[in-house]
């Protein structure tokens, strides 16, 4: 989705959930994502990272591996920081 403010969050979350459901439904073991909507569609990296990690954590349990293939150090830093915040307490 194109970023249009906080109301875009559910669209982004839905895109991850749809992909995860398709992958699980087809019996796949793994899936890879880019920083969906963060390039020309303008989604803020930190917010997109939080949404993607939450969606994958809650809806990706049928998969053995979920990878994020990120386009630069800024995207990597955003995903790393969001993952650290979410999963360092578990």
C-alpha atoms as a PDB file:
ATOM      1  CA  UNK A   1       0.000   0.000   0.000  1.00  0.00           C
ATOM      2  CA  UNK A   2       0.935   3.627  -0.511  1.00  0.00           C
ATOM      3  CA  UNK A   3       1.579   5.310   2.830  1.00  0.00           C
ATOM      4  CA  UNK A   4      -1.211   7.765   3.640  1.00  0.00           C
ATOM      5  CA  UNK A   5      -0.747   8.009   7.395  1.00  0.00           C
ATOM      6  CA  UNK A   6      -1.728   5.718  10.277  1.00  0.00           C
ATOM      7  CA  UNK A   7      -4.789   4.417   8.417  1.00  0.00           C
ATOM      8  CA  UNK A   8      -2.392   2.568   6.077  1.00  0.00           C
ATOM      9  CA  UNK A   9      -1.250   0.198   8.825  1.00  0.00           C
ATOM     10  CA  UNK A  10      -4.085  -2.294   8.385  1.00  0.00           C
ATOM     11  CA  UNK A  11      -3.478  -2.503   4.636  1.00  0.00           C
ATOM     12  CA  UNK A  12       0.203  -3.260   5.172  1.00  0.00           C
ATOM     13  CA  UNK A  13      -0.567  -5.778   7.918  1.00  0.00           C
ATOM     14  CA  UNK A  14      -3.105  -7.437   5.621  1.00  0.00           C
ATOM     15  CA  UNK A  15      -0.570  -7.766   2.806  1.00  0.00           C
ATOM     16  CA  UNK A  16       1.830  -9.662   5.090  1.00  0.00           C
ATOM     17  CA  UNK A  17      -0.951 -11.853   6.483  1.00  0.00           C
ATOM     18  CA  UNK A  18      -2.180 -12.722   2.992  1.00  0.00           C
ATOM     19  CA  UNK A  19       1.296 -13.767   1.885  1.00  0.00           C
ATOM     20  CA  UNK A  20       1.810 -15.819   5.046  1.00  0.00           C
ATOM     21  CA  UNK A  21      -1.555 -17.539   4.626  1.00  0.00           C
ATOM     22  CA  UNK A  22      -0.756 -18.419   1.007  1.00  0.00           C
ATOM     23  CA  UNK A  23       2.657 -19.789   1.951  1.00  0.00           C
ATOM     24  CA  UNK A  24       1.285 -21.872   4.823  1.00  0.00           C
ATOM     25  CA  UNK A  25      -1.665 -23.042   2.747  1.00  0.00           C
ATOM     26  CA  UNK A  26       0.663 -24.324   0.038  1.00  0.00           C
ATOM     27  CA  UNK A  27       2.847 -26.162   2.522  1.00  0.00           C
ATOM     28  CA  UNK A  28       5.913 -23.974   2.029  1.00  0.00           C
ATOM     29  CA  UNK A  29       8.658 -24.071   4.634  1.00  0.00           C
ATOM     30  CA  UNK A  30       9.937 -20.532   4.133  1.00  0.00           C
ATOM     31  CA  UNK A  31       9.149 -17.113   2.738  1.00  0.00           C
ATOM     32  CA  UNK A  32      11.156 -13.945   2.095  1.00  0.00           C
ATOM     33  CA  UNK A  33       9.905 -10.382   2.250  1.00  0.00           C
ATOM     34  CA  UNK A  34      11.337  -7.078   1.163  1.00  0.00           C
ATOM     35  CA  UNK A  35      10.610  -3.850   3.020  1.00  0.00           C
ATOM     36  CA  UNK A  36       7.096  -3.837   1.553  1.00  0.00           C
ATOM     37  CA  UNK A  37       5.860  -0.325   0.630  1.00  0.00           C
ATOM     38  CA  UNK A  38       8.973   1.418   1.985  1.00  0.00           C
ATOM     39  CA  UNK A  39      10.476   2.548  -1.307  1.00  0.00           C
ATOM     40  CA  UNK A  40       8.522   4.746  -3.668  1.00  0.00           C
ATOM     41  CA  UNK A  41       5.305   4.099  -1.695  1.00  0.00           C
ATOM     42  CA  UNK A  42       6.748   6.069   1.208  1.00  0.00           C
ATOM     43  CA  UNK A  43       6.024   3.856   4.209  1.00  0.00           C
ATOM     44  CA  UNK A  44       8.202   4.894   7.190  1.00  0.00           C
ATOM     45  CA  UNK A  45      10.779   2.181   7.866  1.00  0.00           C
ATOM     46  CA  UNK A  46      10.293   1.887  11.628  1.00  0.00           C
ATOM     47  CA  UNK A  47       6.524   1.601  11.370  1.00  0.00           C
ATOM     48  CA  UNK A  48       6.696  -0.887   8.503  1.00  0.00           C
ATOM     49  CA  UNK A  49       9.246  -2.979  10.392  1.00  0.00           C
ATOM     50  CA  UNK A  50       7.029  -3.130  13.480  1.00  0.00           C
ATOM     51  CA  UNK A  51       3.978  -4.124  11.440  1.00  0.00           C
ATOM     52  CA  UNK A  52       5.828  -6.779   9.443  1.00  0.00           C
ATOM     53  CA  UNK A  53       7.450  -8.368  12.486  1.00  0.00           C
ATOM     54  CA  UNK A  54       4.185  -8.431  14.420  1.00  0.00           C
ATOM     55  CA  UNK A  55       2.315  -9.983  11.486  1.00  0.00           C
ATOM     56  CA  UNK A  56       4.997 -12.603  10.918  1.00  0.00           C
ATOM     57  CA  UNK A  57       5.220 -13.428  14.599  1.00  0.00           C
ATOM     58  CA  UNK A  58       1.463 -13.916  14.948  1.00  0.00           C
ATOM     59  CA  UNK A  59       0.616 -15.445  11.536  1.00  0.00           C
ATOM     60  CA  UNK A  60       3.791 -17.192  10.398  1.00  0.00           C
ATOM     61  CA  UNK A  61       3.910 -20.081  12.851  1.00  0.00           C
ATOM     62  CA  UNK A  62       3.336 -22.627  10.070  1.00  0.00           C
ATOM     63  CA  UNK A  63       6.661 -21.689   8.468  1.00  0.00           C
ATOM     64  CA  UNK A  64      10.133 -22.803   9.444  1.00  0.00           C
ATOM     65  CA  UNK A  65      11.845 -19.630   8.235  1.00  0.00           C
ATOM     66  CA  UNK A  66      10.866 -16.057   7.448  1.00  0.00           C
ATOM     67  CA  UNK A  67      13.537 -13.806   5.938  1.00  0.00           C
ATOM     68  CA  UNK A  68      13.607 -10.081   5.391  1.00  0.00           C
ATOM     69  CA  UNK A  69      15.716  -9.062   2.392  1.00  0.00           C
ATOM     70  CA  UNK A  70      16.298  -5.369   2.962  1.00  0.00           C
ATOM     71  CA  UNK A  71      17.583  -2.824   0.475  1.00  0.00           C
ATOM     72  CA  UNK A  72      20.026  -0.762   2.531  1.00  0.00           C
ATOM     73  CA  UNK A  73      21.560  -0.215   5.963  1.00  0.00           C
ATOM     74  CA  UNK A  74      18.735   2.082   7.029  1.00  0.00           C
ATOM     75  CA  UNK A  75      16.131  -0.613   6.386  1.00  0.00           C
ATOM     76  CA  UNK A  76      18.294  -3.217   8.103  1.00  0.00           C
ATOM     77  CA  UNK A  77      18.714  -0.948  11.134  1.00  0.00           C
ATOM     78  CA  UNK A  78      14.948  -0.354  11.379  1.00  0.00           C
ATOM     79  CA  UNK A  79      14.111  -4.077  11.230  1.00  0.00           C
ATOM     80  CA  UNK A  80      16.935  -4.973  13.606  1.00  0.00           C
ATOM     81  CA  UNK A  81      15.844  -2.400  16.188  1.00  0.00           C
ATOM     82  CA  UNK A  82      12.192  -3.403  16.004  1.00  0.00           C
ATOM     83  CA  UNK A  83      13.127  -7.095  16.334  1.00  0.00           C
ATOM     84  CA  UNK A  84      15.372  -6.322  19.301  1.00  0.00           C
ATOM     85  CA  UNK A  85      12.545  -4.437  21.035  1.00  0.00           C
ATOM     86  CA  UNK A  86       9.980  -7.152  20.402  1.00  0.00           C
ATOM     87  CA  UNK A  87      11.948 -10.323  20.946  1.00  0.00           C
ATOM     88  CA  UNK A  88      14.704  -9.533  23.442  1.00  0.00           C
ATOM     89  CA  UNK A  89      12.182  -9.895  26.283  1.00  0.00           C
ATOM     90  CA  UNK A  90      11.049 -13.388  25.207  1.00  0.00           C
END
